Amino acid sequence: MSAFPTTAPTQDGYELTPEWKTILREMDSGAEQRRQKWTFPKFNVSLTFNILTQTEIDTLWNFYMARHGAAEAFYFYTIETGDWDGLYVGVGDGVTKTFDIPGKSTSAQTIYVDGISTSAVTILTGGGSESSDRVTFTTEPAAGAILSCDFTGYLRIRCRFEEDKMSKRVFTDTIFRTGLKLKGLHG
């Protein structure tokens, strides 16, 4: 899977919005019942640019075209480091020991198996897909075990372009007026 181009210009701003899935049911009495459907959020991103050269616009346009609009997923890394808690890493299968962490240049990592922290791991900085950090367990996690983590670093977001149909003119106008919208994906 590709990553958002590092040759693209630095964004003038971006907004990161976590998205949860909750079923809400209101009772006749006015009380509510809530049921959480997702344990981990998806992150949507809106990128804004103020000034770009034609080469920078072309870099972004070519990346959009290579992804076939909204068809192909890619990774986006946050612009600054942060403290990230309760992020999805994967599901154990009883065989696999190595998993990508959803971040790069991480520190202060805490890895969890079914919500219980474990120190029986080794962290490899930059060893994963698209330069993400990677965790290797001493013993492979059991089949069905939910793996999650906390860390400080750059968050890696699996996403796609929100828009599937744009001319180059509309694409360029969107960059400056409303910003590029990236739809977060699970996994």
N, C-alpha and C. Protein backbone atom coordinates (compact mmCIF):
# COMPACT_ATOMS: atom_id res chain seq x y z
N MET A 1 0.84 -1.16 0.00
CA MET A 1 0.00 0.00 0.00
C MET A 1 0.89 1.24 0.00
N SER A 2 0.50 2.24 -0.71
CA SER A 2 1.28 3.48 -0.82
C SER A 2 1.01 4.41 0.35
N ALA A 3 1.88 5.40 0.47
CA ALA A 3 1.69 6.45 1.47
C ALA A 3 1.51 7.79 0.75
N PHE A 4 0.77 8.69 1.38
CA PHE A 4 0.59 10.03 0.83
C PHE A 4 1.97 10.59 0.54
N PRO A 5 2.16 11.23 -0.61
CA PRO A 5 3.51 11.60 -1.03
C PRO A 5 4.23 12.53 -0.06
N THR A 6 5.44 12.15 0.28
CA THR A 6 6.26 13.01 1.13
C THR A 6 6.83 14.16 0.31
N THR A 7 6.78 14.02 -1.02
CA THR A 7 7.24 15.11 -1.88
C THR A 7 6.17 16.18 -2.02
N ALA A 8 4.96 15.89 -1.52
CA ALA A 8 3.91 16.90 -1.55
C ALA A 8 4.28 18.01 -0.58
N PRO A 9 3.77 19.20 -0.81
CA PRO A 9 4.09 20.31 0.09
C PRO A 9 3.53 20.08 1.48
N THR A 10 4.12 20.73 2.44
CA THR A 10 3.60 20.67 3.80
C THR A 10 2.23 21.34 3.82
N GLN A 11 1.30 20.69 4.43
CA GLN A 11 -0.03 21.24 4.51
C GLN A 11 -0.03 22.46 5.41
N ASP A 12 -0.84 23.47 5.04
CA ASP A 12 -0.95 24.66 5.87
C ASP A 12 -1.78 24.36 7.11
N GLY A 13 -2.54 23.32 7.04
CA GLY A 13 -3.34 22.92 8.17
C GLY A 13 -4.02 21.60 7.87
N TYR A 14 -4.41 20.95 8.92
CA TYR A 14 -5.21 19.75 8.72
C TYR A 14 -6.08 19.54 9.93
N GLU A 15 -7.17 18.87 9.69
CA GLU A 15 -8.10 18.55 10.77
C GLU A 15 -8.25 17.05 10.81
N LEU A 16 -8.08 16.50 12.00
CA LEU A 16 -8.17 15.06 12.22
C LEU A 16 -9.44 14.81 13.02
N THR A 17 -10.34 14.01 12.48
CA THR A 17 -11.62 13.77 13.14
C THR A 17 -11.82 12.28 13.37
N PRO A 18 -11.84 11.85 14.65
CA PRO A 18 -12.13 10.44 14.92
C PRO A 18 -13.61 10.15 14.64
N GLU A 19 -13.88 8.99 14.07
CA GLU A 19 -15.25 8.58 13.76
C GLU A 19 -15.54 7.26 14.47
N TRP A 20 -16.63 7.24 15.24
CA TRP A 20 -17.07 6.06 15.97
C TRP A 20 -18.38 5.58 15.38
N LYS A 21 -18.77 4.39 15.71
CA LYS A 21 -20.06 3.85 15.27
C LYS A 21 -20.84 3.45 16.52
N THR A 22 -21.89 4.21 16.82
CA THR A 22 -22.72 3.97 17.99
C THR A 22 -24.18 3.90 17.55
N ILE A 23 -24.88 2.89 17.99
CA ILE A 23 -26.31 2.79 17.73
C ILE A 23 -27.03 3.43 18.90
N LEU A 24 -27.85 4.43 18.60
CA LEU A 24 -28.61 5.14 19.62
C LEU A 24 -30.08 4.79 19.48
N ARG A 25 -30.69 4.53 20.61
CA ARG A 25 -32.13 4.23 20.61
C ARG A 25 -32.77 5.03 21.73
N GLU A 26 -33.73 5.87 21.37
CA GLU A 26 -34.42 6.68 22.36
C GLU A 26 -35.71 6.00 22.75
N MET A 27 -35.93 5.89 24.06
CA MET A 27 -37.13 5.25 24.60
C MET A 27 -38.26 6.28 24.71
N ASP A 28 -39.49 5.78 24.84
CA ASP A 28 -40.64 6.66 25.01
C ASP A 28 -40.47 7.55 26.24
N SER A 29 -39.77 7.06 27.25
CA SER A 29 -39.57 7.81 28.49
C SER A 29 -38.54 8.94 28.32
N GLY A 30 -37.83 8.94 27.18
CA GLY A 30 -36.78 9.93 26.94
C GLY A 30 -35.39 9.40 27.25
N ALA A 31 -35.33 8.25 27.89
CA ALA A 31 -34.03 7.63 28.17
C ALA A 31 -33.43 7.10 26.87
N GLU A 32 -32.13 6.91 26.88
CA GLU A 32 -31.43 6.39 25.71
C GLU A 32 -30.75 5.07 26.02
N GLN A 33 -30.68 4.25 25.00
CA GLN A 33 -29.82 3.07 25.02
C GLN A 33 -28.76 3.32 23.96
N ARG A 34 -27.51 3.04 24.31
CA ARG A 34 -26.42 3.22 23.38
C ARG A 34 -25.63 1.92 23.28
N ARG A 35 -25.26 1.58 22.05
CA ARG A 35 -24.46 0.37 21.83
C ARG A 35 -23.30 0.73 20.91
N GLN A 36 -22.11 0.54 21.42
CA GLN A 36 -20.92 0.84 20.64
C GLN A 36 -20.66 -0.31 19.68
N LYS A 37 -20.56 0.00 18.38
CA LYS A 37 -20.32 -1.02 17.36
C LYS A 37 -18.83 -1.18 17.05
N TRP A 38 -18.06 -0.10 17.17
CA TRP A 38 -16.64 -0.16 16.87
C TRP A 38 -15.84 0.03 18.15
N THR A 39 -14.88 -0.81 18.38
CA THR A 39 -13.99 -0.68 19.53
C THR A 39 -12.92 0.37 19.26
N PHE A 40 -12.54 0.52 18.00
CA PHE A 40 -11.48 1.44 17.61
C PHE A 40 -12.03 2.44 16.59
N PRO A 41 -11.62 3.71 16.66
CA PRO A 41 -12.13 4.70 15.72
C PRO A 41 -11.44 4.63 14.36
N LYS A 42 -12.11 5.21 13.38
CA LYS A 42 -11.47 5.55 12.11
C LYS A 42 -11.14 7.03 12.20
N PHE A 43 -10.13 7.47 11.50
CA PHE A 43 -9.76 8.89 11.52
C PHE A 43 -9.92 9.47 10.12
N ASN A 44 -10.77 10.50 10.01
CA ASN A 44 -10.93 11.24 8.77
C ASN A 44 -10.01 12.45 8.82
N VAL A 45 -9.49 12.85 7.64
CA VAL A 45 -8.52 13.93 7.57
C VAL A 45 -8.97 14.95 6.52
N SER A 46 -8.83 16.21 6.84
CA SER A 46 -9.06 17.29 5.88
C SER A 46 -7.77 18.10 5.79
N LEU A 47 -7.17 18.15 4.60
CA LEU A 47 -5.90 18.86 4.39
C LEU A 47 -6.17 20.17 3.67
N THR A 48 -5.60 21.25 4.16
CA THR A 48 -5.76 22.54 3.49
C THR A 48 -4.39 23.08 3.08
N PHE A 49 -4.37 23.74 1.95
CA PHE A 49 -3.16 24.33 1.38
C PHE A 49 -3.48 25.77 1.00
N ASN A 50 -2.54 26.67 1.23
CA ASN A 50 -2.73 28.07 0.83
C ASN A 50 -1.98 28.41 -0.44
N ILE A 51 -0.74 27.98 -0.53
CA ILE A 51 0.09 28.29 -1.69
C ILE A 51 0.77 27.01 -2.15
N LEU A 52 0.64 26.72 -3.46
CA LEU A 52 1.30 25.56 -4.05
C LEU A 52 1.90 25.94 -5.39
N THR A 53 3.01 25.33 -5.74
CA THR A 53 3.55 25.50 -7.07
C THR A 53 2.81 24.54 -8.01
N GLN A 54 2.95 24.75 -9.30
CA GLN A 54 2.31 23.84 -10.26
C GLN A 54 2.86 22.42 -10.10
N THR A 55 4.14 22.29 -9.79
CA THR A 55 4.74 20.97 -9.58
C THR A 55 4.11 20.28 -8.38
N GLU A 56 3.86 21.02 -7.31
CA GLU A 56 3.24 20.44 -6.12
C GLU A 56 1.79 20.02 -6.40
N ILE A 57 1.07 20.84 -7.15
CA ILE A 57 -0.30 20.47 -7.55
C ILE A 57 -0.27 19.20 -8.38
N ASP A 58 0.67 19.13 -9.32
CA ASP A 58 0.80 17.94 -10.17
C ASP A 58 1.13 16.69 -9.35
N THR A 59 1.97 16.83 -8.32
CA THR A 59 2.30 15.69 -7.45
C THR A 59 1.04 15.16 -6.78
N LEU A 60 0.23 16.06 -6.24
CA LEU A 60 -1.02 15.65 -5.59
C LEU A 60 -2.00 15.05 -6.59
N TRP A 61 -2.13 15.68 -7.76
CA TRP A 61 -3.04 15.19 -8.80
C TRP A 61 -2.62 13.79 -9.28
N ASN A 62 -1.33 13.61 -9.50
CA ASN A 62 -0.84 12.31 -9.96
C ASN A 62 -1.07 11.23 -8.92
N PHE A 63 -0.93 11.57 -7.64
CA PHE A 63 -1.21 10.61 -6.57
C PHE A 63 -2.69 10.25 -6.56
N TYR A 64 -3.56 11.25 -6.72
CA TYR A 64 -5.02 11.02 -6.78
C TYR A 64 -5.35 10.10 -7.97
N MET A 65 -4.78 10.38 -9.12
CA MET A 65 -5.04 9.57 -10.33
C MET A 65 -4.50 8.14 -10.16
N ALA A 66 -3.34 7.98 -9.57
CA ALA A 66 -2.77 6.66 -9.36
C ALA A 66 -3.61 5.82 -8.40
N ARG A 67 -4.36 6.46 -7.50
CA ARG A 67 -5.25 5.75 -6.57
C ARG A 67 -6.62 5.50 -7.20
N HIS A 68 -6.82 5.97 -8.42
CA HIS A 68 -8.11 5.84 -9.13
C HIS A 68 -9.23 6.48 -8.32
N GLY A 69 -8.97 7.71 -7.88
CA GLY A 69 -9.96 8.41 -7.05
C GLY A 69 -10.08 7.75 -5.70
N ALA A 70 -11.27 7.33 -5.35
CA ALA A 70 -11.54 6.72 -4.04
C ALA A 70 -11.30 5.22 -4.02
N ALA A 71 -10.84 4.63 -5.13
CA ALA A 71 -10.77 3.17 -5.23
C ALA A 71 -9.69 2.54 -4.37
N GLU A 72 -8.52 3.14 -4.30
CA GLU A 72 -7.39 2.48 -3.65
C GLU A 72 -7.04 3.16 -2.33
N ALA A 73 -6.87 2.37 -1.29
CA ALA A 73 -6.49 2.89 0.02
C ALA A 73 -5.01 3.24 0.03
N PHE A 74 -4.64 4.13 0.94
CA PHE A 74 -3.25 4.51 1.15
C PHE A 74 -3.08 4.94 2.60
N TYR A 75 -1.85 5.21 2.99
CA TYR A 75 -1.57 5.65 4.34
C TYR A 75 -1.27 7.15 4.35
N PHE A 76 -1.74 7.81 5.39
CA PHE A 76 -1.41 9.20 5.65
C PHE A 76 -0.83 9.27 7.06
N TYR A 77 0.30 9.95 7.21
CA TYR A 77 0.89 10.15 8.53
C TYR A 77 0.59 11.56 9.02
N THR A 78 0.22 11.66 10.31
CA THR A 78 -0.03 12.99 10.86
C THR A 78 1.22 13.85 10.72
N ILE A 79 1.01 15.15 10.71
CA ILE A 79 2.09 16.09 10.45
C ILE A 79 2.97 16.29 11.68
N GLU A 80 2.37 16.21 12.86
CA GLU A 80 3.17 16.34 14.07
C GLU A 80 2.97 15.11 14.95
N THR A 81 3.91 14.91 15.85
CA THR A 81 3.81 13.78 16.76
C THR A 81 2.76 14.08 17.83
N GLY A 82 2.25 13.03 18.41
CA GLY A 82 1.27 13.17 19.48
C GLY A 82 1.26 11.93 20.34
N ASP A 83 0.49 11.99 21.40
CA ASP A 83 0.27 10.83 22.26
C ASP A 83 -1.01 10.15 21.79
N TRP A 84 -0.91 8.88 21.42
CA TRP A 84 -2.04 8.14 20.87
C TRP A 84 -2.32 6.94 21.76
N ASP A 85 -3.56 6.77 22.15
CA ASP A 85 -3.94 5.68 23.05
C ASP A 85 -5.03 4.81 22.44
N GLY A 86 -4.96 3.51 22.74
CA GLY A 86 -6.01 2.58 22.37
C GLY A 86 -6.18 2.39 20.87
N LEU A 87 -5.09 2.23 20.16
CA LEU A 87 -5.15 2.07 18.70
C LEU A 87 -5.08 0.59 18.31
N TYR A 88 -5.81 0.26 17.26
CA TYR A 88 -5.88 -1.10 16.75
C TYR A 88 -4.56 -1.48 16.08
N VAL A 89 -4.06 -2.67 16.40
CA VAL A 89 -2.86 -3.21 15.77
C VAL A 89 -3.23 -4.39 14.88
N GLY A 90 -4.02 -5.33 15.40
CA GLY A 90 -4.39 -6.50 14.61
C GLY A 90 -5.09 -7.54 15.47
N VAL A 91 -5.29 -8.71 14.85
CA VAL A 91 -5.91 -9.84 15.54
C VAL A 91 -4.95 -11.02 15.42
N GLY A 92 -4.66 -11.64 16.56
CA GLY A 92 -3.78 -12.79 16.57
C GLY A 92 -4.39 -13.96 15.80
N ASP A 93 -3.51 -14.76 15.20
CA ASP A 93 -3.98 -15.96 14.49
C ASP A 93 -3.31 -17.23 15.03
N GLY A 94 -2.54 -17.08 16.12
CA GLY A 94 -1.86 -18.23 16.70
C GLY A 94 -0.57 -18.61 16.00
N VAL A 95 -0.24 -17.91 14.91
CA VAL A 95 0.96 -18.22 14.13
C VAL A 95 1.86 -16.99 13.98
N THR A 96 1.26 -15.86 13.62
CA THR A 96 2.01 -14.63 13.33
C THR A 96 2.53 -13.98 14.61
N LYS A 97 3.80 -13.58 14.58
CA LYS A 97 4.41 -12.92 15.72
C LYS A 97 4.64 -11.43 15.48
N THR A 98 4.70 -11.00 14.22
CA THR A 98 5.07 -9.63 13.88
C THR A 98 3.91 -8.87 13.27
N PHE A 99 3.67 -7.66 13.78
CA PHE A 99 2.56 -6.81 13.33
C PHE A 99 3.05 -5.37 13.21
N ASP A 100 2.48 -4.63 12.26
CA ASP A 100 2.79 -3.21 12.13
C ASP A 100 2.02 -2.42 13.17
N ILE A 101 2.69 -1.46 13.78
CA ILE A 101 2.05 -0.50 14.70
C ILE A 101 1.51 0.63 13.83
N PRO A 102 0.37 1.21 14.16
CA PRO A 102 -0.18 2.29 13.32
C PRO A 102 0.52 3.63 13.58
N GLY A 103 1.85 3.63 13.47
CA GLY A 103 2.61 4.85 13.67
C GLY A 103 4.05 4.67 13.26
N LYS A 104 4.77 5.78 13.20
CA LYS A 104 6.20 5.71 12.92
C LYS A 104 6.93 6.67 13.85
N SER A 105 8.22 6.41 14.00
CA SER A 105 9.05 7.18 14.93
C SER A 105 8.40 7.21 16.31
N THR A 106 7.95 6.04 16.75
CA THR A 106 7.22 5.97 18.01
C THR A 106 8.17 5.78 19.19
N SER A 107 7.67 6.16 20.34
CA SER A 107 8.37 5.93 21.61
C SER A 107 7.30 5.69 22.65
N ALA A 108 7.72 5.31 23.83
CA ALA A 108 6.78 5.06 24.94
C ALA A 108 5.65 4.12 24.53
N GLN A 109 6.00 3.06 23.80
CA GLN A 109 4.99 2.12 23.31
C GLN A 109 4.52 1.21 24.45
N THR A 110 3.22 1.01 24.50
CA THR A 110 2.63 -0.01 25.36
C THR A 110 1.79 -0.89 24.45
N ILE A 111 2.05 -2.17 24.46
CA ILE A 111 1.34 -3.12 23.60
C ILE A 111 0.40 -3.93 24.48
N TYR A 112 -0.83 -4.14 23.99
CA TYR A 112 -1.85 -4.87 24.73
C TYR A 112 -2.32 -6.09 23.94
N VAL A 113 -2.57 -7.17 24.65
CA VAL A 113 -3.21 -8.36 24.09
C VAL A 113 -4.51 -8.53 24.88
N ASP A 114 -5.63 -8.39 24.17
CA ASP A 114 -6.96 -8.42 24.81
C ASP A 114 -7.04 -7.46 25.99
N GLY A 115 -6.47 -6.27 25.83
CA GLY A 115 -6.56 -5.23 26.84
C GLY A 115 -5.57 -5.32 27.98
N ILE A 116 -4.71 -6.33 27.98
CA ILE A 116 -3.72 -6.51 29.05
C ILE A 116 -2.34 -6.20 28.48
N SER A 117 -1.62 -5.28 29.12
CA SER A 117 -0.32 -4.89 28.59
C SER A 117 0.67 -6.05 28.71
N THR A 118 1.58 -6.09 27.75
CA THR A 118 2.61 -7.12 27.74
C THR A 118 3.96 -6.48 27.45
N SER A 119 4.99 -6.99 28.09
CA SER A 119 6.34 -6.51 27.82
C SER A 119 7.14 -7.55 27.04
N ALA A 120 6.50 -8.65 26.67
CA ALA A 120 7.17 -9.72 25.94
C ALA A 120 7.16 -9.42 24.44
N VAL A 121 7.68 -8.21 24.10
CA VAL A 121 7.71 -7.76 22.71
C VAL A 121 9.02 -7.05 22.41
N THR A 122 9.31 -6.94 21.12
CA THR A 122 10.43 -6.14 20.64
C THR A 122 9.86 -5.16 19.63
N ILE A 123 10.26 -3.90 19.71
CA ILE A 123 9.80 -2.88 18.78
C ILE A 123 10.90 -2.61 17.76
N LEU A 124 10.54 -2.64 16.48
CA LEU A 124 11.47 -2.33 15.40
C LEU A 124 11.04 -1.00 14.78
N THR A 125 11.86 0.02 14.94
CA THR A 125 11.54 1.34 14.41
C THR A 125 11.71 1.36 12.90
N GLY A 126 10.65 1.74 12.20
CA GLY A 126 10.71 1.88 10.75
C GLY A 126 10.74 0.57 9.99
N GLY A 127 10.51 -0.54 10.62
CA GLY A 127 10.63 -1.83 9.95
C GLY A 127 9.37 -2.32 9.26
N GLY A 128 8.27 -1.59 9.41
CA GLY A 128 7.00 -2.05 8.86
C GLY A 128 6.66 -1.46 7.50
N SER A 129 5.46 -1.71 7.07
CA SER A 129 4.95 -1.22 5.79
C SER A 129 4.95 0.30 5.77
N GLU A 130 5.46 0.88 4.68
CA GLU A 130 5.53 2.33 4.50
C GLU A 130 6.16 3.03 5.70
N SER A 131 7.24 2.46 6.21
CA SER A 131 8.06 3.03 7.30
C SER A 131 7.40 3.03 8.67
N SER A 132 6.30 2.30 8.82
CA SER A 132 5.69 2.23 10.15
C SER A 132 6.60 1.43 11.07
N ASP A 133 6.41 1.61 12.36
CA ASP A 133 7.14 0.80 13.33
C ASP A 133 6.45 -0.56 13.43
N ARG A 134 7.15 -1.52 13.99
CA ARG A 134 6.67 -2.89 14.00
C ARG A 134 6.90 -3.50 15.37
N VAL A 135 5.99 -4.36 15.79
CA VAL A 135 6.12 -5.07 17.06
C VAL A 135 6.25 -6.56 16.76
N THR A 136 7.19 -7.21 17.45
CA THR A 136 7.34 -8.66 17.36
C THR A 136 7.13 -9.23 18.76
N PHE A 137 6.18 -10.14 18.88
CA PHE A 137 5.87 -10.79 20.14
C PHE A 137 6.83 -11.95 20.37
N THR A 138 7.21 -12.19 21.61
CA THR A 138 8.05 -13.32 21.96
C THR A 138 7.33 -14.63 21.63
N THR A 139 6.04 -14.67 21.95
CA THR A 139 5.18 -15.82 21.63
C THR A 139 4.01 -15.30 20.81
N GLU A 140 3.68 -16.02 19.76
CA GLU A 140 2.59 -15.56 18.89
C GLU A 140 1.28 -15.43 19.69
N PRO A 141 0.57 -14.29 19.49
CA PRO A 141 -0.72 -14.11 20.17
C PRO A 141 -1.72 -15.18 19.73
N ALA A 142 -2.56 -15.59 20.66
CA ALA A 142 -3.57 -16.62 20.38
C ALA A 142 -4.53 -16.18 19.27
N ALA A 143 -5.08 -17.16 18.59
CA ALA A 143 -6.06 -16.87 17.54
C ALA A 143 -7.23 -16.11 18.15
N GLY A 144 -7.59 -14.99 17.51
CA GLY A 144 -8.71 -14.16 17.97
C GLY A 144 -8.34 -13.11 18.99
N ALA A 145 -7.10 -13.11 19.48
CA ALA A 145 -6.69 -12.10 20.46
C ALA A 145 -6.63 -10.73 19.78
N ILE A 146 -7.20 -9.72 20.43
CA ILE A 146 -7.19 -8.36 19.90
C ILE A 146 -5.92 -7.65 20.37
N LEU A 147 -5.15 -7.13 19.42
CA LEU A 147 -3.89 -6.46 19.71
C LEU A 147 -4.08 -4.96 19.54
N SER A 148 -3.65 -4.20 20.53
CA SER A 148 -3.77 -2.74 20.46
C SER A 148 -2.52 -2.12 21.08
N CYS A 149 -2.42 -0.79 20.99
CA CYS A 149 -1.22 -0.13 21.49
C CYS A 149 -1.48 1.33 21.87
N ASP A 150 -0.57 1.86 22.67
CA ASP A 150 -0.45 3.28 22.96
C ASP A 150 0.97 3.65 22.54
N PHE A 151 1.17 4.88 22.09
CA PHE A 151 2.52 5.34 21.77
C PHE A 151 2.54 6.85 21.63
N THR A 152 3.75 7.38 21.58
CA THR A 152 3.99 8.77 21.21
C THR A 152 4.69 8.72 19.86
N GLY A 153 4.21 9.49 18.90
CA GLY A 153 4.83 9.49 17.57
C GLY A 153 3.86 9.98 16.53
N TYR A 154 4.15 9.68 15.28
CA TYR A 154 3.29 10.05 14.15
C TYR A 154 2.26 8.95 13.93
N LEU A 155 0.99 9.31 13.89
CA LEU A 155 -0.08 8.35 13.67
C LEU A 155 -0.18 8.02 12.19
N ARG A 156 -0.26 6.74 11.88
CA ARG A 156 -0.47 6.28 10.50
C ARG A 156 -1.96 5.99 10.34
N ILE A 157 -2.57 6.63 9.36
CA ILE A 157 -4.01 6.48 9.12
C ILE A 157 -4.21 5.79 7.78
N ARG A 158 -4.94 4.70 7.78
CA ARG A 158 -5.32 4.03 6.53
C ARG A 158 -6.54 4.77 6.01
N CYS A 159 -6.46 5.25 4.78
CA CYS A 159 -7.55 6.07 4.26
C CYS A 159 -7.65 5.97 2.74
N ARG A 160 -8.61 6.70 2.20
CA ARG A 160 -8.80 6.83 0.76
C ARG A 160 -9.26 8.26 0.50
N PHE A 161 -9.24 8.68 -0.75
CA PHE A 161 -9.81 9.98 -1.09
C PHE A 161 -11.32 9.89 -0.93
N GLU A 162 -11.93 10.93 -0.37
CA GLU A 162 -13.38 10.93 -0.20
C GLU A 162 -14.09 11.06 -1.55
N GLU A 163 -13.53 11.90 -2.42
CA GLU A 163 -14.15 12.14 -3.73
C GLU A 163 -13.63 11.15 -4.77
N ASP A 164 -14.55 10.66 -5.58
CA ASP A 164 -14.20 9.68 -6.61
C ASP A 164 -14.22 10.29 -8.01
N LYS A 165 -14.80 11.47 -8.14
CA LYS A 165 -14.96 12.06 -9.47
C LYS A 165 -14.62 13.55 -9.41
N MET A 166 -13.43 13.89 -9.93
CA MET A 166 -13.01 15.30 -9.99
C MET A 166 -12.15 15.52 -11.22
N SER A 167 -12.42 16.62 -11.91
CA SER A 167 -11.51 17.04 -12.98
C SER A 167 -10.29 17.68 -12.33
N LYS A 168 -9.24 17.89 -13.10
CA LYS A 168 -8.04 18.50 -12.51
C LYS A 168 -8.35 19.91 -12.02
N ARG A 169 -9.21 20.62 -12.72
CA ARG A 169 -9.58 21.98 -12.31
C ARG A 169 -10.34 21.95 -10.98
N VAL A 170 -11.30 21.04 -10.86
CA VAL A 170 -12.06 20.91 -9.61
C VAL A 170 -11.14 20.45 -8.49
N PHE A 171 -10.25 19.52 -8.78
CA PHE A 171 -9.28 19.05 -7.80
C PHE A 171 -8.45 20.21 -7.26
N THR A 172 -7.93 21.03 -8.17
CA THR A 172 -7.11 22.17 -7.78
C THR A 172 -7.92 23.17 -6.96
N ASP A 173 -9.14 23.47 -7.39
CA ASP A 173 -10.01 24.39 -6.63
C ASP A 173 -10.29 23.84 -5.24
N THR A 174 -10.52 22.53 -5.14
CA THR A 174 -10.82 21.88 -3.86
C THR A 174 -9.65 22.02 -2.89
N ILE A 175 -8.43 21.87 -3.39
CA ILE A 175 -7.24 21.99 -2.55
C ILE A 175 -7.23 23.33 -1.82
N PHE A 176 -7.56 24.40 -2.54
CA PHE A 176 -7.47 25.73 -1.96
C PHE A 176 -8.74 26.16 -1.22
N ARG A 177 -9.90 25.72 -1.65
CA ARG A 177 -11.15 26.21 -1.04
C ARG A 177 -11.60 25.41 0.17
N THR A 178 -11.75 24.12 0.00
CA THR A 178 -12.29 23.30 1.09
C THR A 178 -11.28 22.29 1.61
N GLY A 179 -10.21 22.08 0.90
CA GLY A 179 -9.19 21.12 1.31
C GLY A 179 -9.48 19.71 0.79
N LEU A 180 -8.44 18.91 0.72
CA LEU A 180 -8.59 17.51 0.33
C LEU A 180 -9.17 16.73 1.50
N LYS A 181 -10.18 15.95 1.24
CA LYS A 181 -10.82 15.14 2.27
C LYS A 181 -10.37 13.69 2.10
N LEU A 182 -9.87 13.12 3.20
CA LEU A 182 -9.45 11.73 3.21
C LEU A 182 -10.37 10.98 4.17
N LYS A 183 -10.97 9.91 3.70
CA LYS A 183 -11.90 9.10 4.48
C LYS A 183 -11.13 7.99 5.18
N GLY A 184 -11.19 7.96 6.51
CA GLY A 184 -10.50 6.94 7.27
C GLY A 184 -11.12 5.57 7.07
N LEU A 185 -10.27 4.54 7.10
CA LEU A 185 -10.70 3.15 6.92
C LEU A 185 -10.22 2.32 8.09
N HIS A 186 -10.92 1.26 8.41
CA HIS A 186 -10.46 0.34 9.45
C HIS A 186 -9.39 -0.58 8.89
N GLY A 187 -8.58 -1.09 9.80
CA GLY A 187 -7.58 -2.08 9.40
C GLY A 187 -6.21 -1.49 9.24
